């Protein structure tokens, strides 16, 4: 093969490689595995429920008495017969008027702001060994039972997608839903920022974190 023919062959190969590289850069790679998720598969994961208005609560219903039975079978071993908690597992009941105390008890009744959030959490995470195995009716029933244990709903209450968002939790009005501080309304900027903003003080070197606090002093190692 002549020298000119070899040069033409090399040049042609270079053009092929270059065009292939441009094609790979322009198109997403294909790895040959996986498939598009089906609507049914997506629905299996799309189970979150919005707390404030209960959006996406599923069909179904459950009452307090049914919830007591489901609770005894699936929840009492960890949370106690009446939601009082077992061992290190959290309490679900009690804690009223303790949020400002030295030892606050943030239970469903004393702390949570929305009733639909209780359904959402039970449905996604409980019971702990086998989450997302309860039916919607059982989750509604558990929600009704726990709310009743906290004296929030009566014993004949039936939880469903209509009644649950209407339940007003005791601590609902004690949450700050909007931050009134002016600096939280400032828009982030990378240029043309407000000229009057300056750092006037920092916490560096001021030893602001105490080593012990309040009644916990007696529990600190000496």
Protein backbone atom coordinates (compact mmCIF):
# COMPACT_ATOMS: atom_id res chain seq x y z
CA UNK A 1 0.00 0.00 0.00
CA UNK A 2 1.36 3.39 -0.94
CA UNK A 3 2.23 5.99 1.69
CA UNK A 4 -0.59 8.29 0.50
CA UNK A 5 -3.12 5.46 0.76
CA UNK A 6 -1.99 4.73 4.32
CA UNK A 7 -2.42 8.39 5.24
CA UNK A 8 -5.93 8.40 3.77
CA UNK A 9 -6.82 5.25 5.74
CA UNK A 10 -5.54 6.75 9.01
CA UNK A 11 -7.36 10.01 8.34
CA UNK A 12 -10.59 8.18 7.61
CA UNK A 13 -10.29 6.14 10.81
CA UNK A 14 -9.68 9.33 12.77
CA UNK A 15 -12.83 10.88 11.35
CA UNK A 16 -14.85 7.80 12.30
CA UNK A 17 -13.53 7.90 15.90
CA UNK A 18 -14.17 11.63 16.16
CA UNK A 19 -17.72 11.35 14.85
CA UNK A 20 -18.37 8.45 17.23
CA UNK A 21 -17.09 10.50 20.16
CA UNK A 22 -19.34 13.40 19.20
CA UNK A 23 -22.31 11.03 19.00
CA UNK A 24 -21.56 9.62 22.44
CA UNK A 25 -21.25 13.11 23.88
CA UNK A 26 -24.54 14.19 22.35
CA UNK A 27 -26.62 11.16 23.33
CA UNK A 28 -27.22 9.60 26.77
CA UNK A 29 -25.60 6.26 27.35
CA UNK A 30 -27.55 3.01 27.23
CA UNK A 31 -26.45 0.32 29.67
CA UNK A 32 -28.78 -2.46 28.60
CA UNK A 33 -30.56 -3.09 31.88
CA UNK A 34 -33.61 -1.77 33.73
CA UNK A 35 -36.99 -0.79 32.34
CA UNK A 36 -39.42 2.11 32.72
CA UNK A 37 -41.45 1.92 35.92
CA UNK A 38 -45.08 0.98 35.41
CA UNK A 39 -47.91 3.06 36.91
CA UNK A 40 -48.56 0.23 39.38
CA UNK A 41 -44.92 0.19 40.50
CA UNK A 42 -44.91 3.96 40.95
CA UNK A 43 -48.15 3.80 42.93
CA UNK A 44 -46.52 1.34 45.31
CA UNK A 45 -44.00 3.99 46.35
CA UNK A 46 -46.22 7.06 46.03
CA UNK A 47 -47.88 6.69 49.45
CA UNK A 48 -46.96 9.89 51.31
CA UNK A 49 -49.79 11.84 52.92
CA UNK A 50 -49.67 15.61 53.42
CA UNK A 51 -50.15 16.57 57.05
CA UNK A 52 -52.01 19.85 56.98
CA UNK A 53 -54.90 18.82 54.73
CA UNK A 54 -54.54 15.05 54.43
CA UNK A 55 -53.97 15.15 50.68
CA UNK A 56 -53.38 11.63 49.26
CA UNK A 57 -55.12 9.82 52.14
CA UNK A 58 -56.33 6.54 50.62
CA UNK A 59 -59.87 5.13 50.64
CA UNK A 60 -60.87 3.14 53.71
CA UNK A 61 -61.88 3.74 57.31
CA UNK A 62 -61.29 2.44 60.81
CA UNK A 63 -62.72 3.04 64.27
CA UNK A 64 -61.33 3.15 67.78
CA UNK A 65 -62.43 -0.35 68.83
CA UNK A 66 -60.90 -1.96 65.75
CA UNK A 67 -57.77 0.06 66.42
CA UNK A 68 -57.51 -1.29 69.96
CA UNK A 69 -57.37 -4.84 68.58
CA UNK A 70 -54.84 -4.00 65.87
CA UNK A 71 -52.73 -2.12 68.43
CA UNK A 72 -52.68 -5.09 70.82
CA UNK A 73 -51.49 -7.40 68.05
CA UNK A 74 -48.93 -5.15 66.37
CA UNK A 75 -47.91 -2.23 68.59
CA UNK A 76 -48.31 -2.93 72.30
CA UNK A 77 -45.10 -4.96 72.59
CA UNK A 78 -43.07 -1.80 71.92
CA UNK A 79 -45.38 1.07 72.81
CA UNK A 80 -47.13 -0.44 75.83
CA UNK A 81 -50.71 -1.61 76.28
CA UNK A 82 -52.01 1.94 76.49
CA UNK A 83 -49.29 3.79 74.59
CA UNK A 84 -47.16 4.38 77.68
CA UNK A 85 -44.02 3.00 76.01
CA UNK A 86 -41.95 -0.07 76.81
CA UNK A 87 -38.24 0.17 77.61
CA UNK A 88 -36.61 2.65 75.26
CA UNK A 89 -39.48 2.64 72.79
CA UNK A 90 -41.30 6.00 72.64
CA UNK A 91 -44.47 6.93 74.44
CA UNK A 92 -47.47 7.71 72.28
CA UNK A 93 -49.64 9.11 75.07
CA UNK A 94 -49.19 11.74 77.77
CA UNK A 95 -46.74 14.58 77.99
CA UNK A 96 -49.35 17.33 78.31
CA UNK A 97 -47.93 20.65 79.50
CA UNK A 98 -44.36 19.29 79.43
CA UNK A 99 -42.93 20.91 76.31
CA UNK A 100 -41.57 23.86 78.33
CA UNK A 101 -40.34 21.63 81.15
CA UNK A 102 -36.79 20.46 81.74
CA UNK A 103 -37.83 16.99 80.57
CA UNK A 104 -40.36 17.49 77.72
CA UNK A 105 -42.32 14.48 76.48
CA UNK A 106 -43.14 15.05 72.80
CA UNK A 107 -45.89 12.46 72.28
CA UNK A 108 -48.60 12.33 69.63
CA UNK A 109 -50.96 14.13 71.98
CA UNK A 110 -48.59 16.72 73.38
CA UNK A 111 -46.55 17.66 70.31
CA UNK A 112 -47.75 16.54 66.87
CA UNK A 113 -49.51 19.32 64.89
CA UNK A 114 -51.48 17.27 62.32
CA UNK A 115 -53.60 14.12 62.66
CA UNK A 116 -53.00 12.90 59.04
CA UNK A 117 -49.27 12.79 59.82
CA UNK A 118 -49.99 9.98 62.27
CA UNK A 119 -51.62 7.94 59.50
CA UNK A 120 -48.72 8.69 57.17
CA UNK A 121 -46.06 7.58 59.65
CA UNK A 122 -47.84 4.38 60.69
CA UNK A 123 -48.54 3.49 57.07
CA UNK A 124 -44.94 3.95 55.94
CA UNK A 125 -42.93 2.80 58.95
CA UNK A 126 -44.97 0.59 61.29
CA UNK A 127 -44.94 -2.02 62.65
CA UNK A 128 -41.17 -1.76 62.90
CA UNK A 129 -40.20 -5.32 61.81
CA UNK A 130 -42.64 -5.38 58.88
CA UNK A 131 -43.53 -1.85 57.73
CA UNK A 132 -46.20 -1.21 55.12
CA UNK A 133 -47.96 -4.50 55.73
CA UNK A 134 -51.13 -3.15 57.36
CA UNK A 135 -54.23 -2.41 55.33
CA UNK A 136 -55.46 1.16 54.98
CA UNK A 137 -58.40 0.27 57.22
CA UNK A 138 -56.11 -1.01 59.96
CA UNK A 139 -53.95 2.11 59.75
CA UNK A 140 -57.02 4.32 60.00
CA UNK A 141 -58.15 2.27 63.00
CA UNK A 142 -54.77 2.60 64.72
CA UNK A 143 -54.81 6.34 64.08
CA UNK A 144 -58.27 6.63 65.63
CA UNK A 145 -57.25 4.52 68.64
CA UNK A 146 -54.08 6.51 69.37
CA UNK A 147 -55.96 9.80 69.05
CA UNK A 148 -58.58 8.45 71.46
CA UNK A 149 -55.91 7.37 73.95
CA UNK A 150 -54.77 11.00 73.94
CA UNK A 151 -58.35 12.24 74.57
CA UNK A 152 -58.41 14.01 71.22
CA UNK A 153 -61.34 12.13 69.65
CA UNK A 154 -64.28 10.27 71.25
CA UNK A 155 -64.56 6.49 71.46
CA UNK A 156 -67.00 6.34 68.53
CA UNK A 157 -64.70 8.26 66.18
CA UNK A 158 -64.14 6.72 62.76
CA UNK A 159 -61.06 7.87 60.87
CA UNK A 160 -61.16 8.22 57.09
CA UNK A 161 -59.94 10.59 54.41
CA UNK A 162 -62.68 13.11 55.28
CA UNK A 163 -62.77 13.03 59.08
CA UNK A 164 -59.05 12.82 59.84
CA UNK A 165 -57.97 16.20 58.39
CA UNK A 166 -60.69 17.87 60.48
CA UNK A 167 -59.15 16.74 63.78
CA UNK A 168 -57.37 19.64 65.46
CA UNK A 169 -54.36 18.55 67.48
CA UNK A 170 -53.77 20.14 70.92
CA UNK A 171 -50.39 21.61 69.98
CA UNK A 172 -51.35 22.81 66.49
CA UNK A 173 -51.48 26.50 67.38
CA UNK A 174 -48.10 26.45 69.12
CA UNK A 175 -46.09 25.89 65.95
CA UNK A 176 -44.57 28.83 64.06
CA UNK A 177 -45.70 28.37 60.46
CA UNK A 178 -44.01 31.51 59.09
CA UNK A 179 -40.74 33.01 60.28
CA UNK A 180 -41.28 36.72 61.01
CA UNK A 181 -37.57 37.61 61.19
CA UNK A 182 -36.63 40.08 58.40
CA UNK A 183 -33.41 38.28 57.55
CA UNK A 184 -35.28 35.09 56.63
CA UNK A 185 -37.07 36.98 53.85
CA UNK A 186 -33.80 38.09 52.24
CA UNK A 187 -33.13 36.68 48.80
CA UNK A 188 -29.79 34.92 48.25
CA UNK A 189 -27.42 36.74 45.94
CA UNK A 190 -24.05 36.26 44.32
CA UNK A 191 -23.70 39.82 43.02
CA UNK A 192 -25.26 43.25 43.62
CA UNK A 193 -25.98 42.30 47.23
CA UNK A 194 -27.20 44.85 49.74
CA UNK A 195 -24.30 47.11 50.64
CA UNK A 196 -25.41 47.73 54.22
CA UNK A 197 -25.03 44.08 55.32
CA UNK A 198 -21.95 43.52 57.47
CA UNK A 199 -20.80 41.01 60.07
CA UNK A 200 -20.69 42.71 63.47
CA UNK A 201 -20.05 39.73 65.73
CA UNK A 202 -19.21 36.03 65.67
CA UNK A 203 -19.38 33.24 68.26
CA UNK A 204 -15.77 32.22 67.69
CA UNK A 205 -13.72 32.12 70.86
CA UNK A 206 -16.56 33.19 73.18
CA UNK A 207 -17.18 29.85 74.91
CA UNK A 208 -20.95 30.17 74.47
CA UNK A 209 -21.85 26.50 74.92
CA UNK A 210 -22.24 25.54 78.61
CA UNK A 211 -20.76 22.27 79.76
CA UNK A 212 -23.77 21.40 81.94
CA UNK A 213 -27.34 22.62 82.02
CA UNK A 214 -30.02 22.75 84.71
CA UNK A 215 -31.18 19.58 86.42
CA UNK A 216 -28.96 17.42 84.22
CA UNK A 217 -25.94 18.58 86.26
CA UNK A 218 -26.45 15.72 88.68
CA UNK A 219 -26.14 13.23 85.82
CA UNK A 220 -22.81 14.51 84.59
CA UNK A 221 -19.64 12.58 85.51
CA UNK A 222 -17.63 14.36 88.19
